[in-house]
Protein backbone atom coordinates (compact mmCIF):
# COMPACT_ATOMS: atom_id res chain seq x y z
CA UNK A 1 -0.09 -0.06 0.04
CA UNK A 2 1.38 3.38 -0.80
CA UNK A 3 1.47 6.54 1.52
CA UNK A 4 -1.63 7.96 -0.10
CA UNK A 5 -3.67 5.01 0.16
CA UNK A 6 -2.79 4.35 3.82
CA UNK A 7 -3.38 8.10 4.76
CA UNK A 8 -7.02 7.45 3.21
CA UNK A 9 -7.43 4.30 5.10
CA UNK A 10 -6.38 6.07 8.53
CA UNK A 11 -8.82 8.82 7.81
CA UNK A 12 -11.45 6.35 7.38
CA UNK A 13 -10.53 4.61 10.61
CA UNK A 14 -10.63 7.74 12.39
CA UNK A 15 -14.12 8.56 11.41
CA UNK A 16 -15.34 5.12 13.08
CA UNK A 17 -14.42 6.37 16.59
CA UNK A 18 -16.59 9.11 18.60
CA UNK A 19 -14.80 12.09 19.92
CA UNK A 20 -15.49 10.32 23.41
CA UNK A 21 -13.45 7.33 22.12
CA UNK A 22 -10.57 9.52 21.09
CA UNK A 23 -10.57 11.25 24.22
CA UNK A 24 -10.28 7.92 26.02
CA UNK A 25 -7.44 6.82 24.12
CA UNK A 26 -5.77 10.14 24.36
CA UNK A 27 -6.20 10.06 28.29
CA UNK A 28 -4.42 6.65 28.33
CA UNK A 29 -1.72 7.65 25.87
CA UNK A 30 -0.84 10.78 27.90
CA UNK A 31 -0.88 8.88 31.03
CA UNK A 32 1.87 6.41 29.44
CA UNK A 33 3.73 9.42 28.22
CA UNK A 34 3.85 11.06 31.65
CA UNK A 35 5.41 7.94 33.09
CA UNK A 36 7.95 7.62 30.33
CA UNK A 37 11.77 8.28 31.66
CA UNK A 38 12.43 10.32 28.75
CA UNK A 39 9.40 12.82 29.56
CA UNK A 40 10.05 12.77 33.41
CA UNK A 41 13.81 13.88 32.78
CA UNK A 42 12.92 16.35 30.10
CA UNK A 43 13.19 19.98 30.83
CA UNK A 44 12.54 21.20 27.30
CA UNK A 45 9.68 19.59 25.50
CA UNK A 46 8.51 19.98 21.92
CA UNK A 47 4.84 18.87 21.79
CA UNK A 48 1.87 19.90 19.31
CA UNK A 49 -1.64 21.55 19.96
CA UNK A 50 -3.73 18.89 18.71
CA UNK A 51 -6.30 19.12 15.81
CA UNK A 52 -9.84 17.23 16.24
CA UNK A 53 -8.41 13.99 14.81
CA UNK A 54 -5.21 13.69 16.66
CA UNK A 55 -4.17 12.56 20.09
CA UNK A 56 -5.70 15.10 22.27
CA UNK A 57 -2.82 17.19 23.97
CA UNK A 58 -4.38 20.58 25.15
CA UNK A 59 -4.75 19.54 28.93
CA UNK A 60 -1.31 17.89 28.92
CA UNK A 61 0.39 20.90 27.59
CA UNK A 62 -1.58 23.52 30.04
CA UNK A 63 -0.63 21.09 33.04
CA UNK A 64 3.03 20.47 32.30
CA UNK A 65 3.73 24.08 31.13
CA UNK A 66 3.92 24.94 34.80
CA UNK A 67 7.01 22.72 35.43
CA UNK A 68 8.58 22.17 32.16
CA UNK A 69 9.46 24.47 29.07
CA UNK A 70 6.69 23.39 26.37
CA UNK A 71 7.60 24.44 23.02
CA UNK A 72 4.89 24.39 20.32
CA UNK A 73 5.49 24.37 16.30
CA UNK A 74 4.19 27.13 14.27
CA UNK A 75 3.79 26.79 10.53
CA UNK A 76 5.79 29.28 8.53
CA UNK A 77 5.75 28.86 4.64
CA UNK A 78 7.25 25.16 4.16
CA UNK A 79 8.73 25.06 7.72
CA UNK A 80 8.05 24.65 11.45
CA UNK A 81 9.39 27.28 13.91
CA UNK A 82 9.03 26.96 17.51
CA UNK A 83 7.59 29.01 20.09
CA UNK A 84 7.32 28.87 23.86
CA UNK A 85 3.93 27.87 25.22
CA UNK A 86 2.76 30.54 27.80
CA UNK A 87 -0.85 29.79 28.29
CA UNK A 88 -4.01 29.25 26.27
CA UNK A 89 -4.69 33.15 26.23
CA UNK A 90 -1.56 33.59 24.21
CA UNK A 91 -2.49 31.40 21.31
CA UNK A 92 -3.77 32.81 17.96
CA UNK A 93 -4.83 30.80 14.80
CA UNK A 94 -1.73 30.05 12.52
CA UNK A 95 -1.27 30.01 8.91
CA UNK A 96 -1.24 26.47 8.53
CA UNK A 97 -4.18 24.07 9.05
CA UNK A 98 -5.70 27.13 11.32
CA UNK A 99 -3.98 25.54 14.41
CA UNK A 100 -3.49 27.88 17.44
CA UNK A 101 0.02 28.82 17.89
CA UNK A 102 1.75 30.53 20.47
CA UNK A 103 2.61 34.15 20.21
CA UNK A 104 6.17 35.64 21.03
CA UNK A 105 9.90 35.09 19.63
CA UNK A 106 11.09 32.10 17.70
CA UNK A 107 12.91 29.71 19.68
CA UNK A 108 16.16 28.57 17.94
CA UNK A 109 18.27 27.12 20.81
CA UNK A 110 17.59 23.50 19.61
CA UNK A 111 20.30 21.98 21.62
CA UNK A 112 18.13 22.79 24.64
CA UNK A 113 15.43 20.50 23.74
CA UNK A 114 15.41 17.33 25.44
CA UNK A 115 12.42 15.47 24.10
CA UNK A 116 9.97 16.13 20.92
CA UNK A 117 6.33 14.67 20.92
CA UNK A 118 5.61 13.92 17.44
CA UNK A 119 2.04 13.65 15.91
CA UNK A 120 1.46 11.07 12.81
CA UNK A 121 -1.20 9.77 10.68
CA UNK A 122 0.40 6.25 11.31
CA UNK A 123 3.80 4.74 12.99
CA UNK A 124 5.11 1.41 12.92
CA UNK A 125 7.28 -0.74 15.13
CA UNK A 126 10.50 0.61 13.75
CA UNK A 127 9.54 3.88 14.49
CA UNK A 128 8.67 4.94 10.79
CA UNK A 129 6.03 7.62 10.55
CA UNK A 130 3.67 8.71 8.08
CA UNK A 131 2.57 12.24 8.29
CA UNK A 132 0.09 14.11 6.47
CA UNK A 133 2.33 14.45 3.31
CA UNK A 134 3.73 18.11 3.45
CA UNK A 135 7.08 17.04 5.10
CA UNK A 136 6.94 19.80 8.01
CA UNK A 137 7.93 17.25 10.81
CA UNK A 138 10.67 15.44 8.42
CA UNK A 139 12.31 18.55 7.70
CA UNK A 140 12.03 19.80 11.31
CA UNK A 141 13.22 16.42 12.93
CA UNK A 142 16.13 15.88 10.35
CA UNK A 143 18.89 17.64 12.15
CA UNK A 144 17.49 17.28 15.99
CA UNK A 145 19.36 15.05 18.41
CA UNK A 146 16.60 15.24 21.15
CA UNK A 147 14.76 11.89 21.83
CA UNK A 148 11.60 11.50 19.64
CA UNK A 149 8.48 9.94 20.83
CA UNK A 150 5.59 9.59 18.49
CA UNK A 151 2.14 9.27 19.81
CA UNK A 152 -0.92 7.73 18.01
CA UNK A 153 -4.20 6.17 18.49
CA UNK A 154 -4.12 2.26 18.78
CA UNK A 155 -5.77 2.00 15.18
CA UNK A 156 -3.01 4.17 13.72
CA UNK A 157 -0.17 1.72 14.72
CA UNK A 158 0.55 -0.27 11.66
CA UNK A 159 2.67 -3.48 10.98
CA UNK A 160 4.83 -1.51 8.39
CA UNK A 161 4.48 1.68 6.68
CA UNK A 162 5.95 2.89 3.51
CA UNK A 163 9.10 5.01 3.97
CA UNK A 164 11.31 7.02 1.66
CA UNK A 165 14.70 8.87 2.17
CA UNK A 166 13.21 11.93 3.37
CA UNK A 167 11.28 10.42 6.14
CA UNK A 168 12.62 10.79 9.85
CA UNK A 169 11.66 7.74 12.34
CA UNK A 170 10.97 8.34 15.86
CA UNK A 171 12.75 6.64 18.87
CA UNK A 172 9.69 5.22 20.36
CA UNK A 173 5.94 5.25 19.88
CA UNK A 174 3.36 5.36 22.48
CA UNK A 175 -0.34 4.16 21.48
């Protein structure tokens, strides 16, 4: 199966689950993440403000922003920039996907980042990730040395997914 077909299949699977189902899955996934040694040790964490069809991260971000530095991606052209999350009141709709993004200065001290929490359409047991097809995360992750954890709903975890030379795997997947 090619990437386009797998994305279509995953979108269809997502539609089979209610918002309540996705929130229940999300709660368990985020609990596992909070217990993960890499998260516990991390001070600087890149996360993402979830869209309706992704693992729900809003409460997690608000909770942990009081104890850790939480950075969120902002779409700028073809690239992801990072900004420090400083509360829901400092979010505004971004240019890409109309996802709320933090205001403020662009964060570029990438060496400080301890952990990157990565969304995806699908992941497999080798850490391979299928994104939405625009390559934002692959370009962003390419030169990052921080530990990378992909998070996804159980039905998004596949035996294998197609990959090419531009795809950047994660170190671990929580589902």
